[in-house]
């Protein structure tokens, strides 16, 4: 949720460099999002053990979590765009 919040609320121009031109930040955010999705998919068991994450069983629960993560990102992004257009900031 932190990665989603940062990506959605990052305004870019005219206040800061745009996310597309800031390759370092964009790459870091993409890597963080990928890591979260891989951990949710239980694809990195050694990292999950190191972080003391509880395994999600059954498989359907992991898939549901991945869809919730993706849905949260899409919903936040769409809501932010709609609010930005309404208030023109």
PDB file of N, CA and C in Angstrom:
ATOM      1  N   UNK A   1       0.822  -1.188   0.000  1.00  0.00           N
ATOM      2  CA  UNK A   1       0.000   0.000   0.000  1.00  0.00           C
ATOM      3  C   UNK A   1       0.872   1.260   0.000  1.00  0.00           C
ATOM      4  N   UNK A   2       2.039   1.173   0.594  1.00  0.00           N
ATOM      5  CA  UNK A   2       2.935   2.330   0.599  1.00  0.00           C
ATOM      6  C   UNK A   2       3.418   2.641  -0.816  1.00  0.00           C
ATOM      7  N   UNK A   3       3.760   1.608  -1.569  1.00  0.00           N
ATOM      8  CA  UNK A   3       4.207   1.814  -2.951  1.00  0.00           C
ATOM      9  C   UNK A   3       3.060   2.393  -3.780  1.00  0.00           C
ATOM     10  N   UNK A   4       1.867   1.866  -3.610  1.00  0.00           N
ATOM     11  CA  UNK A   4       0.696   2.378  -4.323  1.00  0.00           C
ATOM     12  C   UNK A   4       0.469   3.844  -3.992  1.00  0.00           C
ATOM     13  N   UNK A   5       0.508   4.185  -2.723  1.00  0.00           N
ATOM     14  CA  UNK A   5       0.295   5.565  -2.299  1.00  0.00           C
ATOM     15  C   UNK A   5       1.335   6.491  -2.904  1.00  0.00           C
ATOM     16  N   UNK A   6       2.584   6.061  -2.906  1.00  0.00           N
ATOM     17  CA  UNK A   6       3.645   6.914  -3.442  1.00  0.00           C
ATOM     18  C   UNK A   6       3.484   7.111  -4.947  1.00  0.00           C
ATOM     19  N   UNK A   7       3.217   6.028  -5.676  1.00  0.00           N
ATOM     20  CA  UNK A   7       3.080   6.133  -7.135  1.00  0.00           C
ATOM     21  C   UNK A   7       1.870   6.986  -7.508  1.00  0.00           C
ATOM     22  N   UNK A   8       0.761   6.766  -6.847  1.00  0.00           N
ATOM     23  CA  UNK A   8      -0.465   7.491  -7.193  1.00  0.00           C
ATOM     24  C   UNK A   8      -0.359   8.970  -6.838  1.00  0.00           C
ATOM     25  N   UNK A   9       0.259   9.293  -5.722  1.00  0.00           N
ATOM     26  CA  UNK A   9       0.318  10.679  -5.277  1.00  0.00           C
ATOM     27  C   UNK A   9       1.511  11.456  -5.822  1.00  0.00           C
ATOM     28  N   UNK A  10       2.406  10.812  -6.549  1.00  0.00           N
ATOM     29  CA  UNK A  10       3.564  11.503  -7.110  1.00  0.00           C
ATOM     30  C   UNK A  10       3.097  12.378  -8.261  1.00  0.00           C
ATOM     31  N   UNK A  11       3.199  13.677  -8.115  1.00  0.00           N
ATOM     32  CA  UNK A  11       2.669  14.603  -9.111  1.00  0.00           C
ATOM     33  C   UNK A  11       3.616  14.870 -10.261  1.00  0.00           C
ATOM     34  N   UNK A  12       4.894  14.973  -9.987  1.00  0.00           N
ATOM     35  CA  UNK A  12       5.828  15.284 -11.065  1.00  0.00           C
ATOM     36  C   UNK A  12       5.785  16.752 -11.429  1.00  0.00           C
ATOM     37  N   UNK A  13       5.810  17.034 -12.714  1.00  0.00           N
ATOM     38  CA  UNK A  13       5.872  18.413 -13.187  1.00  0.00           C
ATOM     39  C   UNK A  13       4.630  19.172 -12.769  1.00  0.00           C
ATOM     40  N   UNK A  14       4.692  20.426 -12.453  1.00  0.00           N
ATOM     41  CA  UNK A  14       5.822  21.341 -12.465  1.00  0.00           C
ATOM     42  C   UNK A  14       6.596  21.353 -11.147  1.00  0.00           C
ATOM     43  N   UNK A  15       6.183  20.555 -10.191  1.00  0.00           N
ATOM     44  CA  UNK A  15       6.799  20.609  -8.868  1.00  0.00           C
ATOM     45  C   UNK A  15       8.080  19.787  -8.771  1.00  0.00           C
ATOM     46  N   UNK A  16       8.107  18.636  -9.411  1.00  0.00           N
ATOM     47  CA  UNK A  16       9.256  17.733  -9.359  1.00  0.00           C
ATOM     48  C   UNK A  16       9.476  17.143 -10.745  1.00  0.00           C
ATOM     49  N   UNK A  17      10.535  16.379 -10.868  1.00  0.00           N
ATOM     50  CA  UNK A  17      10.793  15.670 -12.117  1.00  0.00           C
ATOM     51  C   UNK A  17       9.706  14.610 -12.302  1.00  0.00           C
ATOM     52  N   UNK A  18       9.253  14.416 -13.536  1.00  0.00           N
ATOM     53  CA  UNK A  18       8.200  13.438 -13.773  1.00  0.00           C
ATOM     54  C   UNK A  18       8.709  12.028 -13.486  1.00  0.00           C
ATOM     55  N   UNK A  19       7.803  11.156 -13.158  1.00  0.00           N
ATOM     56  CA  UNK A  19       8.173   9.787 -12.826  1.00  0.00           C
ATOM     57  C   UNK A  19       8.770   9.069 -14.041  1.00  0.00           C
ATOM     58  N   UNK A  20       8.302   9.390 -15.223  1.00  0.00           N
ATOM     59  CA  UNK A  20       8.836   8.761 -16.431  1.00  0.00           C
ATOM     60  C   UNK A  20      10.287   9.156 -16.689  1.00  0.00           C
ATOM     61  N   UNK A  21      10.646  10.396 -16.369  1.00  0.00           N
ATOM     62  CA  UNK A  21      12.020  10.819 -16.606  1.00  0.00           C
ATOM     63  C   UNK A  21      12.938  10.530 -15.413  1.00  0.00           C
ATOM     64  N   UNK A  22      12.388  10.212 -14.276  1.00  0.00           N
ATOM     65  CA  UNK A  22      13.181   9.859 -13.099  1.00  0.00           C
ATOM     66  C   UNK A  22      13.316   8.331 -13.058  1.00  0.00           C
ATOM     67  N   UNK A  23      14.223   7.801 -13.850  1.00  0.00           N
ATOM     68  CA  UNK A  23      14.349   6.349 -14.018  1.00  0.00           C
ATOM     69  C   UNK A  23      14.753   5.633 -12.733  1.00  0.00           C
ATOM     70  N   UNK A  24      15.545   6.275 -11.905  1.00  0.00           N
ATOM     71  CA  UNK A  24      15.954   5.648 -10.650  1.00  0.00           C
ATOM     72  C   UNK A  24      14.777   5.400  -9.723  1.00  0.00           C
ATOM     73  N   UNK A  25      13.951   6.420  -9.561  1.00  0.00           N
ATOM     74  CA  UNK A  25      12.770   6.291  -8.703  1.00  0.00           C
ATOM     75  C   UNK A  25      11.770   5.319  -9.309  1.00  0.00           C
ATOM     76  N   UNK A  26      11.543   5.415 -10.613  1.00  0.00           N
ATOM     77  CA  UNK A  26      10.594   4.519 -11.269  1.00  0.00           C
ATOM     78  C   UNK A  26      11.049   3.061 -11.157  1.00  0.00           C
ATOM     79  N   UNK A  27      12.341   2.817 -11.339  1.00  0.00           N
ATOM     80  CA  UNK A  27      12.864   1.457 -11.215  1.00  0.00           C
ATOM     81  C   UNK A  27      12.754   0.920  -9.803  1.00  0.00           C
ATOM     82  N   UNK A  28      13.019   1.779  -8.820  1.00  0.00           N
ATOM     83  CA  UNK A  28      12.912   1.360  -7.427  1.00  0.00           C
ATOM     84  C   UNK A  28      11.469   1.022  -7.060  1.00  0.00           C
ATOM     85  N   UNK A  29      10.540   1.852  -7.499  1.00  0.00           N
ATOM     86  CA  UNK A  29       9.124   1.583  -7.223  1.00  0.00           C
ATOM     87  C   UNK A  29       8.642   0.324  -7.938  1.00  0.00           C
ATOM     88  N   UNK A  30       9.094   0.105  -9.170  1.00  0.00           N
ATOM     89  CA  UNK A  30       8.724  -1.108  -9.902  1.00  0.00           C
ATOM     90  C   UNK A  30       9.302  -2.346  -9.218  1.00  0.00           C
ATOM     91  N   UNK A  31      10.544  -2.254  -8.756  1.00  0.00           N
ATOM     92  CA  UNK A  31      11.164  -3.389  -8.054  1.00  0.00           C
ATOM     93  C   UNK A  31      10.445  -3.679  -6.745  1.00  0.00           C
ATOM     94  N   UNK A  32      10.054  -2.643  -6.026  1.00  0.00           N
ATOM     95  CA  UNK A  32       9.328  -2.840  -4.769  1.00  0.00           C
ATOM     96  C   UNK A  32       7.968  -3.480  -5.015  1.00  0.00           C
ATOM     97  N   UNK A  33       7.272  -3.024  -6.051  1.00  0.00           N
ATOM     98  CA  UNK A  33       5.968  -3.610  -6.382  1.00  0.00           C
ATOM     99  C   UNK A  33       6.118  -5.071  -6.809  1.00  0.00           C
ATOM    100  N   UNK A  34       7.145  -5.359  -7.589  1.00  0.00           N
ATOM    101  CA  UNK A  34       7.397  -6.740  -8.008  1.00  0.00           C
ATOM    102  C   UNK A  34       7.727  -7.627  -6.816  1.00  0.00           C
ATOM    103  N   UNK A  35       8.525  -7.120  -5.892  1.00  0.00           N
ATOM    104  CA  UNK A  35       8.865  -7.885  -4.695  1.00  0.00           C
ATOM    105  C   UNK A  35       7.618  -8.204  -3.878  1.00  0.00           C
ATOM    106  N   UNK A  36       6.738  -7.239  -3.716  1.00  0.00           N
ATOM    107  CA  UNK A  36       5.503  -7.468  -2.967  1.00  0.00           C
ATOM    108  C   UNK A  36       4.646  -8.529  -3.663  1.00  0.00           C
ATOM    109  N   UNK A  37       4.519  -8.437  -4.981  1.00  0.00           N
ATOM    110  CA  UNK A  37       3.729  -9.432  -5.708  1.00  0.00           C
ATOM    111  C   UNK A  37       4.354 -10.819  -5.622  1.00  0.00           C
ATOM    112  N   UNK A  38       5.677 -10.903  -5.704  1.00  0.00           N
ATOM    113  CA  UNK A  38       6.338 -12.205  -5.584  1.00  0.00           C
ATOM    114  C   UNK A  38       6.186 -12.789  -4.185  1.00  0.00           C
ATOM    115  N   UNK A  39       6.252 -11.947  -3.178  1.00  0.00           N
ATOM    116  CA  UNK A  39       6.043 -12.430  -1.816  1.00  0.00           C
ATOM    117  C   UNK A  39       4.600 -12.883  -1.615  1.00  0.00           C
ATOM    118  N   UNK A  40       3.653 -12.165  -2.196  1.00  0.00           N
ATOM    119  CA  UNK A  40       2.247 -12.555  -2.089  1.00  0.00           C
ATOM    120  C   UNK A  40       1.977 -13.862  -2.829  1.00  0.00           C
ATOM    121  N   UNK A  41       2.751 -14.132  -3.868  1.00  0.00           N
ATOM    122  CA  UNK A  41       2.585 -15.363  -4.641  1.00  0.00           C
ATOM    123  C   UNK A  41       3.358 -16.526  -4.047  1.00  0.00           C
ATOM    124  N   UNK A  42       4.092 -16.276  -2.970  1.00  0.00           N
ATOM    125  CA  UNK A  42       4.921 -17.299  -2.314  1.00  0.00           C
ATOM    126  C   UNK A  42       5.999 -17.817  -3.260  1.00  0.00           C
ATOM    127  N   UNK A  43       6.499 -16.940  -4.127  1.00  0.00           N
ATOM    128  CA  UNK A  43       7.535 -17.326  -5.077  1.00  0.00           C
ATOM    129  C   UNK A  43       8.940 -17.200  -4.491  1.00  0.00           C
ATOM    130  N   UNK A  44       9.053 -16.532  -3.348  1.00  0.00           N
ATOM    131  CA  UNK A  44      10.351 -16.344  -2.699  1.00  0.00           C
ATOM    132  C   UNK A  44      10.290 -16.890  -1.268  1.00  0.00           C
ATOM    133  N   UNK A  45      10.301 -18.207  -1.111  1.00  0.00           N
ATOM    134  CA  UNK A  45      10.126 -18.767   0.241  1.00  0.00           C
ATOM    135  C   UNK A  45      11.267 -18.428   1.200  1.00  0.00           C
ATOM    136  N   UNK A  46      12.491 -18.309   0.699  1.00  0.00           N
ATOM    137  CA  UNK A  46      13.607 -17.972   1.587  1.00  0.00           C
ATOM    138  C   UNK A  46      13.480 -16.545   2.125  1.00  0.00           C
ATOM    139  N   UNK A  47      13.083 -15.620   1.263  1.00  0.00           N
ATOM    140  CA  UNK A  47      12.894 -14.241   1.691  1.00  0.00           C
ATOM    141  C   UNK A  47      11.711 -14.156   2.661  1.00  0.00           C
ATOM    142  N   UNK A  48      10.650 -14.890   2.370  1.00  0.00           N
ATOM    143  CA  UNK A  48       9.482 -14.894   3.251  1.00  0.00           C
ATOM    144  C   UNK A  48       9.835 -15.454   4.627  1.00  0.00           C
ATOM    145  N   UNK A  49      10.667 -16.486   4.649  1.00  0.00           N
ATOM    146  CA  UNK A  49      11.114 -17.044   5.925  1.00  0.00           C
ATOM    147  C   UNK A  49      11.971 -16.029   6.679  1.00  0.00           C
ATOM    148  N   UNK A  50      12.855 -15.368   5.973  1.00  0.00           N
ATOM    149  CA  UNK A  50      13.710 -14.361   6.598  1.00  0.00           C
ATOM    150  C   UNK A  50      12.877 -13.220   7.188  1.00  0.00           C
ATOM    151  N   UNK A  51      11.826 -12.810   6.477  1.00  0.00           N
ATOM    152  CA  UNK A  51      10.957 -11.740   6.940  1.00  0.00           C
ATOM    153  C   UNK A  51       9.898 -12.234   7.928  1.00  0.00           C
ATOM    154  N   UNK A  52       9.896 -13.536   8.200  1.00  0.00           N
ATOM    155  CA  UNK A  52       8.962 -14.185   9.121  1.00  0.00           C
ATOM    156  C   UNK A  52       7.510 -13.976   8.694  1.00  0.00           C
ATOM    157  N   UNK A  53       7.262 -14.116   7.388  1.00  0.00           N
ATOM    158  CA  UNK A  53       5.905 -14.010   6.866  1.00  0.00           C
ATOM    159  C   UNK A  53       5.198 -15.350   7.030  1.00  0.00           C
ATOM    160  N   UNK A  54       3.939 -15.287   7.376  1.00  0.00           N
ATOM    161  CA  UNK A  54       3.153 -16.504   7.543  1.00  0.00           C
ATOM    162  C   UNK A  54       2.670 -16.953   6.172  1.00  0.00           C
ATOM    163  N   UNK A  55       2.903 -18.224   5.819  1.00  0.00           N
ATOM    164  CA  UNK A  55       2.449 -18.697   4.497  1.00  0.00           C
ATOM    165  C   UNK A  55       0.922 -18.698   4.398  1.00  0.00           C
ATOM    166  N   UNK A  56       0.431 -18.263   3.244  1.00  0.00           N
ATOM    167  CA  UNK A  56      -1.010 -18.240   3.004  1.00  0.00           C
ATOM    168  C   UNK A  56      -1.427 -19.541   2.337  1.00  0.00           C
ATOM    169  N   UNK A  57      -2.291 -20.237   2.951  1.00  0.00           N
ATOM    170  CA  UNK A  57      -2.847 -21.462   2.375  1.00  0.00           C
ATOM    171  C   UNK A  57      -4.358 -21.328   2.405  1.00  0.00           C
ATOM    172  N   UNK A  58      -5.075 -21.775   1.488  1.00  0.00           N
ATOM    173  CA  UNK A  58      -4.742 -22.461   0.245  1.00  0.00           C
ATOM    174  C   UNK A  58      -4.307 -21.485  -0.849  1.00  0.00           C
ATOM    175  N   UNK A  59      -4.038 -22.024  -2.006  1.00  0.00           N
ATOM    176  CA  UNK A  59      -3.568 -21.249  -3.163  1.00  0.00           C
ATOM    177  C   UNK A  59      -4.553 -20.137  -3.528  1.00  0.00           C
ATOM    178  N   UNK A  60      -5.850 -20.399  -3.379  1.00  0.00           N
ATOM    179  CA  UNK A  60      -6.859 -19.406  -3.741  1.00  0.00           C
ATOM    180  C   UNK A  60      -6.705 -18.120  -2.923  1.00  0.00           C
ATOM    181  N   UNK A  61      -6.255 -18.260  -1.686  1.00  0.00           N
ATOM    182  CA  UNK A  61      -6.062 -17.090  -0.841  1.00  0.00           C
ATOM    183  C   UNK A  61      -4.913 -16.225  -1.355  1.00  0.00           C
ATOM    184  N   UNK A  62      -3.854 -16.855  -1.845  1.00  0.00           N
ATOM    185  CA  UNK A  62      -2.736 -16.096  -2.420  1.00  0.00           C
ATOM    186  C   UNK A  62      -3.166 -15.363  -3.676  1.00  0.00           C
ATOM    187  N   UNK A  63      -3.937 -16.029  -4.513  1.00  0.00           N
ATOM    188  CA  UNK A  63      -4.417 -15.405  -5.753  1.00  0.00           C
ATOM    189  C   UNK A  63      -5.351 -14.241  -5.424  1.00  0.00           C
ATOM    190  N   UNK A  64      -6.202 -14.434  -4.431  1.00  0.00           N
ATOM    191  CA  UNK A  64      -7.108 -13.364  -4.020  1.00  0.00           C
ATOM    192  C   UNK A  64      -6.324 -12.153  -3.502  1.00  0.00           C
ATOM    193  N   UNK A  65      -5.271 -12.401  -2.742  1.00  0.00           N
ATOM    194  CA  UNK A  65      -4.435 -11.307  -2.249  1.00  0.00           C
ATOM    195  C   UNK A  65      -3.780 -10.551  -3.403  1.00  0.00           C
ATOM    196  N   UNK A  66      -3.311 -11.264  -4.413  1.00  0.00           N
ATOM    197  CA  UNK A  66      -2.701 -10.609  -5.570  1.00  0.00           C
ATOM    198  C   UNK A  66      -3.718  -9.744  -6.305  1.00  0.00           C
ATOM    199  N   UNK A  67      -4.943 -10.251  -6.465  1.00  0.00           N
ATOM    200  CA  UNK A  67      -5.981  -9.454  -7.117  1.00  0.00           C
ATOM    201  C   UNK A  67      -6.355  -8.234  -6.277  1.00  0.00           C
ATOM    202  N   UNK A  68      -6.365  -8.385  -4.963  1.00  0.00           N
ATOM    203  CA  UNK A  68      -6.648  -7.245  -4.095  1.00  0.00           C
ATOM    204  C   UNK A  68      -5.556  -6.185  -4.197  1.00  0.00           C
ATOM    205  N   UNK A  69      -4.308  -6.606  -4.271  1.00  0.00           N
ATOM    206  CA  UNK A  69      -3.206  -5.657  -4.431  1.00  0.00           C
ATOM    207  C   UNK A  69      -3.327  -4.897  -5.751  1.00  0.00           C
ATOM    208  N   UNK A  70      -3.592  -5.623  -6.825  1.00  0.00           N
ATOM    209  CA  UNK A  70      -3.740  -4.985  -8.136  1.00  0.00           C
ATOM    210  C   UNK A  70      -4.983  -4.090  -8.172  1.00  0.00           C
ATOM    211  N   UNK A  71      -6.080  -4.565  -7.603  1.00  0.00           N
ATOM    212  CA  UNK A  71      -7.309  -3.778  -7.566  1.00  0.00           C
ATOM    213  C   UNK A  71      -7.163  -2.510  -6.750  1.00  0.00           C
ATOM    214  N   UNK A  72      -6.427  -2.603  -5.645  1.00  0.00           N
ATOM    215  CA  UNK A  72      -6.168  -1.428  -4.817  1.00  0.00           C
ATOM    216  C   UNK A  72      -5.405  -0.376  -5.607  1.00  0.00           C
ATOM    217  N   UNK A  73      -4.389  -0.808  -6.351  1.00  0.00           N
ATOM    218  CA  UNK A  73      -3.611   0.133  -7.151  1.00  0.00           C
ATOM    219  C   UNK A  73      -4.481   0.798  -8.214  1.00  0.00           C
ATOM    220  N   UNK A  74      -5.239   0.011  -8.949  1.00  0.00           N
ATOM    221  CA  UNK A  74      -6.069   0.551 -10.032  1.00  0.00           C
ATOM    222  C   UNK A  74      -7.139   1.488  -9.470  1.00  0.00           C
ATOM    223  N   UNK A  75      -7.791   1.084  -8.385  1.00  0.00           N
ATOM    224  CA  UNK A  75      -8.843   1.914  -7.801  1.00  0.00           C
ATOM    225  C   UNK A  75      -8.274   3.238  -7.287  1.00  0.00           C
ATOM    226  N   UNK A  76      -7.139   3.190  -6.612  1.00  0.00           N
ATOM    227  CA  UNK A  76      -6.517   4.424  -6.112  1.00  0.00           C
ATOM    228  C   UNK A  76      -6.096   5.335  -7.247  1.00  0.00           C
ATOM    229  N   UNK A  77      -5.534   4.755  -8.297  1.00  0.00           N
ATOM    230  CA  UNK A  77      -5.079   5.553  -9.430  1.00  0.00           C
ATOM    231  C   UNK A  77      -6.259   6.225 -10.131  1.00  0.00           C
ATOM    232  N   UNK A  78      -7.337   5.469 -10.367  1.00  0.00           N
ATOM    233  CA  UNK A  78      -8.508   6.037 -11.025  1.00  0.00           C
ATOM    234  C   UNK A  78      -9.171   7.105 -10.166  1.00  0.00           C
ATOM    235  N   UNK A  79      -9.266   6.862  -8.867  1.00  0.00           N
ATOM    236  CA  UNK A  79      -9.867   7.840  -7.970  1.00  0.00           C
ATOM    237  C   UNK A  79      -9.045   9.126  -7.920  1.00  0.00           C
ATOM    238  N   UNK A  80      -7.729   8.995  -7.890  1.00  0.00           N
ATOM    239  CA  UNK A  80      -6.868  10.178  -7.866  1.00  0.00           C
ATOM    240  C   UNK A  80      -7.021  10.981  -9.151  1.00  0.00           C
ATOM    241  N   UNK A  81      -7.088  10.315 -10.295  1.00  0.00           N
ATOM    242  CA  UNK A  81      -7.261  11.001 -11.573  1.00  0.00           C
ATOM    243  C   UNK A  81      -8.604  11.727 -11.618  1.00  0.00           C
ATOM    244  N   UNK A  82      -9.645  11.067 -11.137  1.00  0.00           N
ATOM    245  CA  UNK A  82     -10.972  11.687 -11.147  1.00  0.00           C
ATOM    246  C   UNK A  82     -11.009  12.904 -10.236  1.00  0.00           C
ATOM    247  N   UNK A  83     -10.443  12.796  -9.046  1.00  0.00           N
ATOM    248  CA  UNK A  83     -10.439  13.927  -8.119  1.00  0.00           C
ATOM    249  C   UNK A  83      -9.588  15.070  -8.666  1.00  0.00           C
ATOM    250  N   UNK A  84      -8.467  14.741  -9.303  1.00  0.00           N
ATOM    251  CA  UNK A  84      -7.622  15.784  -9.895  1.00  0.00           C
ATOM    252  C   UNK A  84      -8.363  16.554 -10.971  1.00  0.00           C
ATOM    253  N   UNK A  85      -9.163  15.870 -11.768  1.00  0.00           N
ATOM    254  CA  UNK A  85      -9.918  16.556 -12.816  1.00  0.00           C
ATOM    255  C   UNK A  85     -11.045  17.416 -12.237  1.00  0.00           C
ATOM    256  N   UNK A  86     -11.676  16.914 -11.183  1.00  0.00           N
ATOM    257  CA  UNK A  86     -12.776  17.678 -10.579  1.00  0.00           C
ATOM    258  C   UNK A  86     -12.247  18.962  -9.948  1.00  0.00           C
ATOM    259  N   UNK A  87     -11.138  18.866  -9.208  1.00  0.00           N
ATOM    260  CA  UNK A  87     -10.627  20.029  -8.501  1.00  0.00           C
ATOM    261  C   UNK A  87      -9.540  20.772  -9.262  1.00  0.00           C
ATOM    262  N   UNK A  88      -9.087  20.258 -10.407  1.00  0.00           N
ATOM    263  CA  UNK A  88      -8.112  20.921 -11.271  1.00  0.00           C
ATOM    264  C   UNK A  88      -6.876  21.409 -10.542  1.00  0.00           C
ATOM    265  N   UNK A  89      -6.223  20.498  -9.823  1.00  0.00           N
ATOM    266  CA  UNK A  89      -4.962  20.892  -9.167  1.00  0.00           C
ATOM    267  C   UNK A  89      -3.803  20.191  -9.777  1.00  0.00           C
TER     268      UNK A  89
END
